[in-house]
Amino acid sequence: MKEIGQIKNIMWILAGNTAYALAVTMFILPNGLITGGTTGLALFFYHQIGLPVQVFVTGFNVAMFLLGAVVLGRTFALTTVISTFYYPFILSVFQRIPALGQMTQDNLLAVIFAGLLIGGGIGVVIRAGASTGGMDIPPLVLNKKMGLSVSATMNAMDTGILLLQMAFSNKEMVLYGILLVLTYTGVLNKVLLLGQARMQVKVVSEHYEEINQAIASQLDRGVTLFKSRTGHLKRDGYVVMSVVNNRELVQLNRLIQAIDPQAFIIIHQVNEVRGRGFTLKKEYD
């Protein structure tokens, strides 16, 4: 089972890097778009000295891989090595296929679809427990050595790379670049949370025991009771807390209203839930 899981992770890493390379080949390079990260830095050197993107990406990724291996350790190196070498390889392959040339002349469409592919690609790589290498590594190194925030350092570097590209891009293209970064960042966050977000429901009611039993019997979900006291009347009781998926939320709300129409209900989304009934199988006595 462990070997099957490792094979699946490798396949996801390959798929994610393939999606990233397709975005660069079909939308970014043909439309002259600019972006951050290793690809953005490669575009700068491509326009300044004519250095092919795949050549720069290969050299830079290898250098960053070695830096990460020395500073961050062997485990990091093993999870990053596939992206480090596969991405520039598949990028060079795609650039030799004429059919994968410019898909659209509309820059806005190119930004949207490039953002979808890049965000989705990076997302599945991270979910597979790996790194895309390149510009992902310096922020991790600075965090370990100097305690700097990874996200803040990464944003600062991406902004700097975008500003560098003003040397060959007009102001409008810089705006498109910012939009591209925002797009793939948003998609990345969605992919990382895909299938994990749940709804947490807290219920304050005098009929807490009936609600507790109904959730357990009708929804087959676990319930936790928190001892509570009302602020005004100082009445002791319990708050009913349960976690359900989006589809079960409507049913849960109806169930509570049928028992106690005056119940005070708090609902909010949680990004991830682990444990019995979610990441672990349910067990019954």
C-alpha atoms as a PDB file:
ATOM      1  CA  MET A   1       0.000   0.000   0.000  1.00  0.00           C
ATOM      2  CA  LYS A   2       2.856   2.371   0.806  1.00  0.00           C
ATOM      3  CA  GLU A   3       4.443   1.736  -2.599  1.00  0.00           C
ATOM      4  CA  ILE A   4       1.120   2.406  -4.356  1.00  0.00           C
ATOM      5  CA  GLY A   5       0.810   5.690  -2.472  1.00  0.00           C
ATOM      6  CA  GLN A   6       4.325   6.698  -3.513  1.00  0.00           C
ATOM      7  CA  ILE A   7       3.571   5.890  -7.151  1.00  0.00           C
ATOM      8  CA  LYS A   8       0.396   8.000  -6.989  1.00  0.00           C
ATOM      9  CA  ASN A   9       2.351  10.897  -5.523  1.00  0.00           C
ATOM     10  CA  ILE A  10       4.930  10.685  -8.301  1.00  0.00           C
ATOM     11  CA  MET A  11       2.169  10.683 -10.917  1.00  0.00           C
ATOM     12  CA  TRP A  12       0.609  13.787  -9.335  1.00  0.00           C
ATOM     13  CA  ILE A  13       3.990  15.539  -9.284  1.00  0.00           C
ATOM     14  CA  LEU A  14       4.499  14.763 -12.975  1.00  0.00           C
ATOM     15  CA  ALA A  15       0.949  15.886 -13.816  1.00  0.00           C
ATOM     16  CA  GLY A  16       1.357  19.154 -11.915  1.00  0.00           C
ATOM     17  CA  ASN A  17       4.620  20.038 -13.604  1.00  0.00           C
ATOM     18  CA  THR A  18       3.137  19.110 -16.981  1.00  0.00           C
ATOM     19  CA  ALA A  19       0.247  21.524 -16.403  1.00  0.00           C
ATOM     20  CA  TYR A  20       2.712  24.273 -15.467  1.00  0.00           C
ATOM     21  CA  ALA A  21       4.768  23.653 -18.615  1.00  0.00           C
ATOM     22  CA  LEU A  22       1.627  23.732 -20.782  1.00  0.00           C
ATOM     23  CA  ALA A  23       0.675  27.111 -19.320  1.00  0.00           C
ATOM     24  CA  VAL A  24       4.070  28.541 -20.187  1.00  0.00           C
ATOM     25  CA  THR A  25       4.106  27.024 -23.692  1.00  0.00           C
ATOM     26  CA  MET A  26       0.537  27.837 -24.752  1.00  0.00           C
ATOM     27  CA  PHE A  27      -0.204  31.126 -23.013  1.00  0.00           C
ATOM     28  CA  ILE A  28       2.713  32.881 -21.309  1.00  0.00           C
ATOM     29  CA  LEU A  29       5.480  32.797 -23.929  1.00  0.00           C
ATOM     30  CA  PRO A  30       3.311  33.252 -27.076  1.00  0.00           C
ATOM     31  CA  ASN A  31       1.440  36.215 -25.555  1.00  0.00           C
ATOM     32  CA  GLY A  32       4.464  37.840 -24.001  1.00  0.00           C
ATOM     33  CA  LEU A  33       2.978  37.602 -20.516  1.00  0.00           C
ATOM     34  CA  ILE A  34       5.104  38.110 -17.446  1.00  0.00           C
ATOM     35  CA  THR A  35       4.966  36.219 -14.174  1.00  0.00           C
ATOM     36  CA  GLY A  36       6.902  35.644 -10.987  1.00  0.00           C
ATOM     37  CA  GLY A  37       8.862  32.639  -9.825  1.00  0.00           C
ATOM     38  CA  THR A  38      11.570  30.838 -11.766  1.00  0.00           C
ATOM     39  CA  THR A  39       9.674  31.218 -15.038  1.00  0.00           C
ATOM     40  CA  GLY A  40       9.415  34.990 -14.565  1.00  0.00           C
ATOM     41  CA  LEU A  41      13.144  35.243 -13.888  1.00  0.00           C
ATOM     42  CA  ALA A  42      13.799  33.076 -16.950  1.00  0.00           C
ATOM     43  CA  LEU A  43      11.652  35.394 -19.088  1.00  0.00           C
ATOM     44  CA  PHE A  44      13.749  38.365 -17.930  1.00  0.00           C
ATOM     45  CA  PHE A  45      16.997  36.749 -19.063  1.00  0.00           C
ATOM     46  CA  TYR A  46      15.335  35.506 -22.258  1.00  0.00           C
ATOM     47  CA  HIS A  47      14.381  39.037 -23.284  1.00  0.00           C
ATOM     48  CA  GLN A  48      17.624  40.624 -22.075  1.00  0.00           C
ATOM     49  CA  ILE A  49      20.273  38.258 -23.433  1.00  0.00           C
ATOM     50  CA  GLY A  50      18.302  35.708 -25.471  1.00  0.00           C
ATOM     51  CA  LEU A  51      18.950  32.833 -23.050  1.00  0.00           C
ATOM     52  CA  PRO A  52      16.345  30.101 -23.756  1.00  0.00           C
ATOM     53  CA  VAL A  53      13.793  29.717 -20.984  1.00  0.00           C
ATOM     54  CA  GLN A  54      14.315  25.983 -20.556  1.00  0.00           C
ATOM     55  CA  VAL A  55      18.108  26.411 -20.303  1.00  0.00           C
ATOM     56  CA  PHE A  56      17.840  29.021 -17.554  1.00  0.00           C
ATOM     57  CA  VAL A  57      15.150  27.030 -15.726  1.00  0.00           C
ATOM     58  CA  THR A  58      17.304  23.889 -15.807  1.00  0.00           C
ATOM     59  CA  GLY A  59      20.414  25.623 -14.490  1.00  0.00           C
ATOM     60  CA  PHE A  60      18.578  27.643 -11.847  1.00  0.00           C
ATOM     61  CA  ASN A  61      16.542  24.670 -10.629  1.00  0.00           C
ATOM     62  CA  VAL A  62      19.670  22.540 -10.257  1.00  0.00           C
ATOM     63  CA  ALA A  63      21.396  25.307  -8.295  1.00  0.00           C
ATOM     64  CA  MET A  64      18.380  25.780  -6.023  1.00  0.00           C
ATOM     65  CA  PHE A  65      18.049  22.019  -5.605  1.00  0.00           C
ATOM     66  CA  LEU A  66      21.645  21.781  -4.382  1.00  0.00           C
ATOM     67  CA  LEU A  67      21.106  24.746  -2.051  1.00  0.00           C
ATOM     68  CA  GLY A  68      17.972  23.133  -0.633  1.00  0.00           C
ATOM     69  CA  ALA A  69      19.677  19.774  -0.204  1.00  0.00           C
ATOM     70  CA  VAL A  70      22.563  21.351   1.734  1.00  0.00           C
ATOM     71  CA  VAL A  71      20.491  23.665   3.932  1.00  0.00           C
ATOM     72  CA  LEU A  72      17.148  21.862   4.266  1.00  0.00           C
ATOM     73  CA  GLY A  73      18.273  18.245   4.249  1.00  0.00           C
ATOM     74  CA  ARG A  74      17.949  14.982   2.339  1.00  0.00           C
ATOM     75  CA  THR A  75      14.184  14.566   2.770  1.00  0.00           C
ATOM     76  CA  PHE A  76      13.550  17.901   1.103  1.00  0.00           C
ATOM     77  CA  ALA A  77      15.883  16.987  -1.748  1.00  0.00           C
ATOM     78  CA  LEU A  78      14.122  13.692  -2.417  1.00  0.00           C
ATOM     79  CA  THR A  79      10.676  15.332  -2.623  1.00  0.00           C
ATOM     80  CA  THR A  80      11.947  18.078  -4.938  1.00  0.00           C
ATOM     81  CA  VAL A  81      14.206  16.205  -7.319  1.00  0.00           C
ATOM     82  CA  ILE A  82      11.394  15.142  -9.680  1.00  0.00           C
ATOM     83  CA  SER A  83      10.136  18.696 -10.235  1.00  0.00           C
ATOM     84  CA  THR A  84      13.662  20.056 -10.518  1.00  0.00           C
ATOM     85  CA  PHE A  85      14.535  17.915 -13.512  1.00  0.00           C
ATOM     86  CA  TYR A  86      11.174  17.008 -15.038  1.00  0.00           C
ATOM     87  CA  TYR A  87       9.729  20.524 -15.456  1.00  0.00           C
ATOM     88  CA  PRO A  88      12.487  21.948 -17.717  1.00  0.00           C
ATOM     89  CA  PHE A  89      12.537  18.691 -19.684  1.00  0.00           C
ATOM     90  CA  ILE A  90       8.805  18.645 -20.437  1.00  0.00           C
ATOM     91  CA  LEU A  91       8.886  22.393 -21.128  1.00  0.00           C
ATOM     92  CA  SER A  92      11.531  21.912 -23.828  1.00  0.00           C
ATOM     93  CA  VAL A  93       9.479  19.042 -25.320  1.00  0.00           C
ATOM     94  CA  PHE A  94       6.289  21.121 -25.509  1.00  0.00           C
ATOM     95  CA  GLN A  95       8.114  24.049 -27.113  1.00  0.00           C
ATOM     96  CA  ARG A  96       9.017  21.808 -30.050  1.00  0.00           C
ATOM     97  CA  ILE A  97       5.362  20.955 -30.762  1.00  0.00           C
ATOM     98  CA  PRO A  98       3.820  23.531 -33.158  1.00  0.00           C
ATOM     99  CA  ALA A  99       0.259  22.589 -32.168  1.00  0.00           C
ATOM    100  CA  LEU A 100       0.963  23.836 -28.638  1.00  0.00           C
ATOM    101  CA  GLY A 101       1.717  27.352 -29.823  1.00  0.00           C
ATOM    102  CA  GLN A 102      -0.393  30.434 -29.188  1.00  0.00           C
ATOM    103  CA  MET A 103      -3.917  29.399 -28.181  1.00  0.00           C
ATOM    104  CA  THR A 104      -5.391  32.898 -28.115  1.00  0.00           C
ATOM    105  CA  GLN A 105      -4.407  36.463 -28.892  1.00  0.00           C
ATOM    106  CA  ASP A 106      -6.578  37.801 -26.085  1.00  0.00           C
ATOM    107  CA  ASN A 107      -4.226  38.537 -23.187  1.00  0.00           C
ATOM    108  CA  LEU A 108      -6.995  38.383 -20.604  1.00  0.00           C
ATOM    109  CA  LEU A 109      -8.003  34.887 -21.721  1.00  0.00           C
ATOM    110  CA  ALA A 110      -4.345  33.869 -21.704  1.00  0.00           C
ATOM    111  CA  VAL A 111      -3.944  35.170 -18.131  1.00  0.00           C
ATOM    112  CA  ILE A 112      -7.030  33.292 -16.923  1.00  0.00           C
ATOM    113  CA  PHE A 113      -6.128  29.938 -18.480  1.00  0.00           C
ATOM    114  CA  ALA A 114      -2.444  30.238 -17.554  1.00  0.00           C
ATOM    115  CA  GLY A 115      -3.486  31.002 -13.984  1.00  0.00           C
ATOM    116  CA  LEU A 116      -5.770  27.969 -13.898  1.00  0.00           C
ATOM    117  CA  LEU A 117      -3.037  25.653 -15.173  1.00  0.00           C
ATOM    118  CA  ILE A 118      -0.244  27.067 -13.006  1.00  0.00           C
ATOM    119  CA  GLY A 119      -2.314  27.215  -9.828  1.00  0.00           C
ATOM    120  CA  GLY A 120      -3.709  23.737 -10.390  1.00  0.00           C
ATOM    121  CA  GLY A 121      -0.278  22.370 -11.267  1.00  0.00           C
ATOM    122  CA  ILE A 122       1.506  23.774  -8.222  1.00  0.00           C
ATOM    123  CA  GLY A 123      -1.426  22.747  -6.030  1.00  0.00           C
ATOM    124  CA  VAL A 124      -1.330  19.061  -6.937  1.00  0.00           C
ATOM    125  CA  VAL A 125       2.461  18.987  -6.543  1.00  0.00           C
ATOM    126  CA  ILE A 126       2.208  20.411  -3.024  1.00  0.00           C
ATOM    127  CA  ARG A 127      -0.666  18.045  -2.166  1.00  0.00           C
ATOM    128  CA  ALA A 128       1.598  15.177  -3.234  1.00  0.00           C
ATOM    129  CA  GLY A 129       4.063  16.282  -0.544  1.00  0.00           C
ATOM    130  CA  ALA A 130       6.640  17.735  -2.917  1.00  0.00           C
ATOM    131  CA  SER A 131       7.972  21.122  -3.956  1.00  0.00           C
ATOM    132  CA  THR A 132       8.126  22.658  -7.422  1.00  0.00           C
ATOM    133  CA  GLY A 133      11.701  23.719  -6.684  1.00  0.00           C
ATOM    134  CA  GLY A 134      13.234  26.866  -8.136  1.00  0.00           C
ATOM    135  CA  MET A 135      12.048  30.060  -6.440  1.00  0.00           C
ATOM    136  CA  ASP A 136      10.154  28.045  -3.808  1.00  0.00           C
ATOM    137  CA  ILE A 137      13.478  27.204  -2.183  1.00  0.00           C
ATOM    138  CA  PRO A 138      15.060  30.606  -1.254  1.00  0.00           C
ATOM    139  CA  PRO A 139      12.133  31.590   1.016  1.00  0.00           C
ATOM    140  CA  LEU A 140      12.430  28.231   2.816  1.00  0.00           C
ATOM    141  CA  VAL A 141      16.173  28.717   3.260  1.00  0.00           C
ATOM    142  CA  LEU A 142      15.723  32.281   4.569  1.00  0.00           C
ATOM    143  CA  ASN A 143      13.024  31.062   6.930  1.00  0.00           C
ATOM    144  CA  LYS A 144      15.316  28.440   8.418  1.00  0.00           C
ATOM    145  CA  LYS A 145      18.392  30.656   8.650  1.00  0.00           C
ATOM    146  CA  MET A 146      16.863  34.040   9.504  1.00  0.00           C
ATOM    147  CA  GLY A 147      13.320  33.260  10.645  1.00  0.00           C
ATOM    148  CA  LEU A 148      11.725  35.301   7.848  1.00  0.00           C
ATOM    149  CA  SER A 149       8.129  34.569   6.869  1.00  0.00           C
ATOM    150  CA  VAL A 150       7.960  32.181   3.903  1.00  0.00           C
ATOM    151  CA  SER A 151       4.859  33.770   2.375  1.00  0.00           C
ATOM    152  CA  ALA A 152       6.104  37.351   2.841  1.00  0.00           C
ATOM    153  CA  THR A 153       9.507  36.505   1.336  1.00  0.00           C
ATOM    154  CA  MET A 154       7.894  34.719  -1.596  1.00  0.00           C
ATOM    155  CA  ASN A 155       5.569  37.643  -2.321  1.00  0.00           C
ATOM    156  CA  ALA A 156       8.486  40.100  -2.136  1.00  0.00           C
ATOM    157  CA  MET A 157      10.531  38.005  -4.567  1.00  0.00           C
ATOM    158  CA  ASP A 158       7.641  37.631  -7.013  1.00  0.00           C
ATOM    159  CA  THR A 159       7.051  41.386  -6.916  1.00  0.00           C
ATOM    160  CA  GLY A 160      10.732  42.026  -7.552  1.00  0.00           C
ATOM    161  CA  ILE A 161      10.732  39.637 -10.518  1.00  0.00           C
ATOM    162  CA  LEU A 162       7.659  41.357 -11.970  1.00  0.00           C
ATOM    163  CA  LEU A 163       9.366  44.746 -11.641  1.00  0.00           C
ATOM    164  CA  LEU A 164      12.474  43.403 -13.399  1.00  0.00           C
ATOM    165  CA  GLN A 165      10.327  42.527 -16.387  1.00  0.00           C
ATOM    166  CA  MET A 166       9.292  46.150 -16.822  1.00  0.00           C
ATOM    167  CA  ALA A 167      12.563  46.433 -18.779  1.00  0.00           C
ATOM    168  CA  PHE A 168      10.919  44.670 -21.737  1.00  0.00           C
ATOM    169  CA  SER A 169       7.208  44.957 -20.925  1.00  0.00           C
ATOM    170  CA  ASN A 170       4.881  47.952 -20.905  1.00  0.00           C
ATOM    171  CA  LYS A 171       2.818  48.978 -17.893  1.00  0.00           C
ATOM    172  CA  GLU A 172      -0.208  47.095 -19.184  1.00  0.00           C
ATOM    173  CA  MET A 173       1.749  43.837 -19.298  1.00  0.00           C
ATOM    174  CA  VAL A 174       2.904  44.401 -15.731  1.00  0.00           C
ATOM    175  CA  LEU A 175      -0.755  44.711 -14.721  1.00  0.00           C
ATOM    176  CA  TYR A 176      -1.502  41.473 -16.561  1.00  0.00           C
ATOM    177  CA  GLY A 177       1.403  39.894 -14.675  1.00  0.00           C
ATOM    178  CA  ILE A 178      -0.010  40.959 -11.329  1.00  0.00           C
ATOM    179  CA  LEU A 179      -3.405  39.572 -12.352  1.00  0.00           C
ATOM    180  CA  LEU A 180      -1.765  36.296 -13.363  1.00  0.00           C
ATOM    181  CA  VAL A 181      -0.033  35.956  -9.982  1.00  0.00           C
ATOM    182  CA  LEU A 182      -3.290  36.702  -8.166  1.00  0.00           C
ATOM    183  CA  THR A 183      -5.145  34.171 -10.340  1.00  0.00           C
ATOM    184  CA  TYR A 184      -2.815  31.243  -9.856  1.00  0.00           C
ATOM    185  CA  THR A 185      -2.441  32.040  -6.143  1.00  0.00           C
ATOM    186  CA  GLY A 186      -6.239  31.885  -5.745  1.00  0.00           C
ATOM    187  CA  VAL A 187      -6.467  28.637  -7.713  1.00  0.00           C
ATOM    188  CA  LEU A 188      -3.594  27.188  -5.677  1.00  0.00           C
ATOM    189  CA  ASN A 189      -5.426  27.888  -2.423  1.00  0.00           C
ATOM    190  CA  LYS A 190      -8.602  26.268  -3.779  1.00  0.00           C
ATOM    191  CA  VAL A 191      -6.718  23.155  -4.884  1.00  0.00           C
ATOM    192  CA  LEU A 192      -4.989  22.813  -1.509  1.00  0.00           C
ATOM    193  CA  LEU A 193      -8.345  22.948   0.266  1.00  0.00           C
ATOM    194  CA  LEU A 194     -10.215  20.849  -2.305  1.00  0.00           C
ATOM    195  CA  GLY A 195     -12.279  18.119  -0.680  1.00  0.00           C
ATOM    196  CA  GLN A 196     -11.155  19.057   2.828  1.00  0.00           C
ATOM    197  CA  ALA A 197     -13.337  22.024   3.779  1.00  0.00           C
ATOM    198  CA  ARG A 198     -16.221  21.208   6.127  1.00  0.00           C
ATOM    199  CA  MET A 199     -18.876  23.116   8.045  1.00  0.00           C
ATOM    200  CA  GLN A 200     -18.659  23.358  11.821  1.00  0.00           C
ATOM    201  CA  VAL A 201     -21.989  23.900  13.550  1.00  0.00           C
ATOM    202  CA  LYS A 202     -22.473  24.984  17.158  1.00  0.00           C
ATOM    203  CA  VAL A 203     -25.968  24.942  18.657  1.00  0.00           C
ATOM    204  CA  VAL A 204     -27.117  26.613  21.863  1.00  0.00           C
ATOM    205  CA  SER A 205     -30.431  25.126  22.939  1.00  0.00           C
ATOM    206  CA  GLU A 206     -32.247  23.850  26.011  1.00  0.00           C
ATOM    207  CA  HIS A 207     -33.028  20.738  23.945  1.00  0.00           C
ATOM    208  CA  TYR A 208     -29.352  19.876  23.511  1.00  0.00           C
ATOM    209  CA  GLU A 209     -29.821  16.196  24.357  1.00  0.00           C
ATOM    210  CA  GLU A 210     -32.540  15.722  21.723  1.00  0.00           C
ATOM    211  CA  ILE A 211     -30.382  17.495  19.134  1.00  0.00           C
ATOM    212  CA  ASN A 212     -27.409  15.380  20.151  1.00  0.00           C
ATOM    213  CA  GLN A 213     -29.346  12.141  19.662  1.00  0.00           C
ATOM    214  CA  ALA A 214     -30.891  13.299  16.367  1.00  0.00           C
ATOM    215  CA  ILE A 215     -27.520  14.196  14.821  1.00  0.00           C
ATOM    216  CA  ALA A 216     -26.028  10.873  15.856  1.00  0.00           C
ATOM    217  CA  SER A 217     -28.982   8.772  14.656  1.00  0.00           C
ATOM    218  CA  GLN A 218     -30.174  10.653  11.571  1.00  0.00           C
ATOM    219  CA  LEU A 219     -26.943  12.148  10.183  1.00  0.00           C
ATOM    220  CA  ASP A 220     -24.539   9.533  11.549  1.00  0.00           C
ATOM    221  CA  ARG A 221     -22.156  12.297  12.637  1.00  0.00           C
ATOM    222  CA  GLY A 222     -20.220  12.652  15.860  1.00  0.00           C
ATOM    223  CA  VAL A 223     -21.231  15.259  18.423  1.00  0.00           C
ATOM    224  CA  THR A 224     -19.290  17.016  21.174  1.00  0.00           C
ATOM    225  CA  LEU A 225     -21.012  18.722  24.114  1.00  0.00           C
ATOM    226  CA  PHE A 226     -19.403  21.767  25.709  1.00  0.00           C
ATOM    227  CA  LYS A 227     -20.607  22.817  29.127  1.00  0.00           C
ATOM    228  CA  SER A 228     -21.892  26.394  29.027  1.00  0.00           C
ATOM    229  CA  ARG A 229     -23.676  29.123  30.991  1.00  0.00           C
ATOM    230  CA  THR A 230     -25.810  31.857  29.472  1.00  0.00           C
ATOM    231  CA  GLY A 231     -24.543  35.360  30.091  1.00  0.00           C
ATOM    232  CA  HIS A 232     -27.837  37.035  31.043  1.00  0.00           C
ATOM    233  CA  LEU A 233     -29.882  34.446  32.932  1.00  0.00           C
ATOM    234  CA  LYS A 234     -26.913  32.376  34.129  1.00  0.00           C
ATOM    235  CA  ARG A 235     -28.520  29.117  33.033  1.00  0.00           C
ATOM    236  CA  ASP A 236     -26.268  26.072  32.843  1.00  0.00           C
ATOM    237  CA  GLY A 237     -26.443  23.852  29.803  1.00  0.00           C
ATOM    238  CA  TYR A 238     -24.422  22.438  26.899  1.00  0.00           C
ATOM    239  CA  VAL A 239     -23.399  23.675  23.465  1.00  0.00           C
ATOM    240  CA  VAL A 240     -23.762  21.017  20.773  1.00  0.00           C
ATOM    241  CA  MET A 241     -20.896  20.980  18.293  1.00  0.00           C
ATOM    242  CA  SER A 242     -20.717  18.857  15.143  1.00  0.00           C
ATOM    243  CA  VAL A 243     -18.880  18.919  11.812  1.00  0.00           C
ATOM    244  CA  VAL A 244     -20.677  18.051   8.574  1.00  0.00           C
ATOM    245  CA  ASN A 245     -20.100  18.393   4.848  1.00  0.00           C
ATOM    246  CA  ASN A 246     -21.875  21.002   2.740  1.00  0.00           C
ATOM    247  CA  ARG A 247     -24.620  18.622   1.592  1.00  0.00           C
ATOM    248  CA  GLU A 248     -25.483  17.640   5.148  1.00  0.00           C
ATOM    249  CA  LEU A 249     -25.684  21.249   6.351  1.00  0.00           C
ATOM    250  CA  VAL A 250     -29.212  21.853   5.023  1.00  0.00           C
ATOM    251  CA  GLN A 251     -30.461  18.612   6.543  1.00  0.00           C
ATOM    252  CA  LEU A 252     -28.837  19.449   9.879  1.00  0.00           C
ATOM    253  CA  ASN A 253     -30.399  22.899   9.929  1.00  0.00           C
ATOM    254  CA  ARG A 254     -33.879  21.428   9.291  1.00  0.00           C
ATOM    255  CA  LEU A 255     -33.323  18.815  11.969  1.00  0.00           C
ATOM    256  CA  ILE A 256     -32.408  21.456  14.575  1.00  0.00           C
ATOM    257  CA  GLN A 257     -35.298  23.732  13.621  1.00  0.00           C
ATOM    258  CA  ALA A 258     -37.762  20.842  13.956  1.00  0.00           C
ATOM    259  CA  ILE A 259     -36.598  20.174  17.514  1.00  0.00           C
ATOM    260  CA  ASP A 260     -36.124  23.773  18.664  1.00  0.00           C
ATOM    261  CA  PRO A 261     -37.101  26.688  16.376  1.00  0.00           C
ATOM    262  CA  GLN A 262     -35.553  29.079  18.944  1.00  0.00           C
ATOM    263  CA  ALA A 263     -32.131  27.410  18.862  1.00  0.00           C
ATOM    264  CA  PHE A 264     -29.129  29.693  18.479  1.00  0.00           C
ATOM    265  CA  ILE A 265     -26.981  28.294  15.657  1.00  0.00           C
ATOM    266  CA  ILE A 266     -23.439  29.301  14.684  1.00  0.00           C
ATOM    267  CA  ILE A 267     -22.095  28.005  11.361  1.00  0.00           C
ATOM    268  CA  HIS A 268     -18.654  28.547   9.895  1.00  0.00           C
ATOM    269  CA  GLN A 269     -16.370  26.811   7.427  1.00  0.00           C
ATOM    270  CA  VAL A 270     -13.240  25.014   8.573  1.00  0.00           C
ATOM    271  CA  ASN A 271     -10.413  24.355   6.141  1.00  0.00           C
ATOM    272  CA  GLU A 272      -9.586  20.823   7.174  1.00  0.00           C
ATOM    273  CA  VAL A 273     -10.973  18.077   9.384  1.00  0.00           C
ATOM    274  CA  ARG A 274      -9.018  15.018  10.470  1.00  0.00           C
ATOM    275  CA  GLY A 275     -10.102  12.074  12.549  1.00  0.00           C
ATOM    276  CA  ARG A 276     -12.849   9.491  12.860  1.00  0.00           C
ATOM    277  CA  GLY A 277     -15.500   9.809  10.176  1.00  0.00           C
ATOM    278  CA  PHE A 278     -13.370  11.990   7.898  1.00  0.00           C
ATOM    279  CA  THR A 279      -9.755  10.867   7.429  1.00  0.00           C
ATOM    280  CA  LEU A 280     -10.300   7.713   9.487  1.00  0.00           C
ATOM    281  CA  LYS A 281     -12.980   5.079   9.073  1.00  0.00           C
ATOM    282  CA  LYS A 282     -15.896   5.087  11.488  1.00  0.00           C
ATOM    283  CA  GLU A 283     -15.865   2.450  14.200  1.00  0.00           C
ATOM    284  CA  TYR A 284     -18.847   1.140  16.099  1.00  0.00           C
ATOM    285  CA  ASP A 285     -19.013  -0.688  19.410  1.00  0.00           C
END
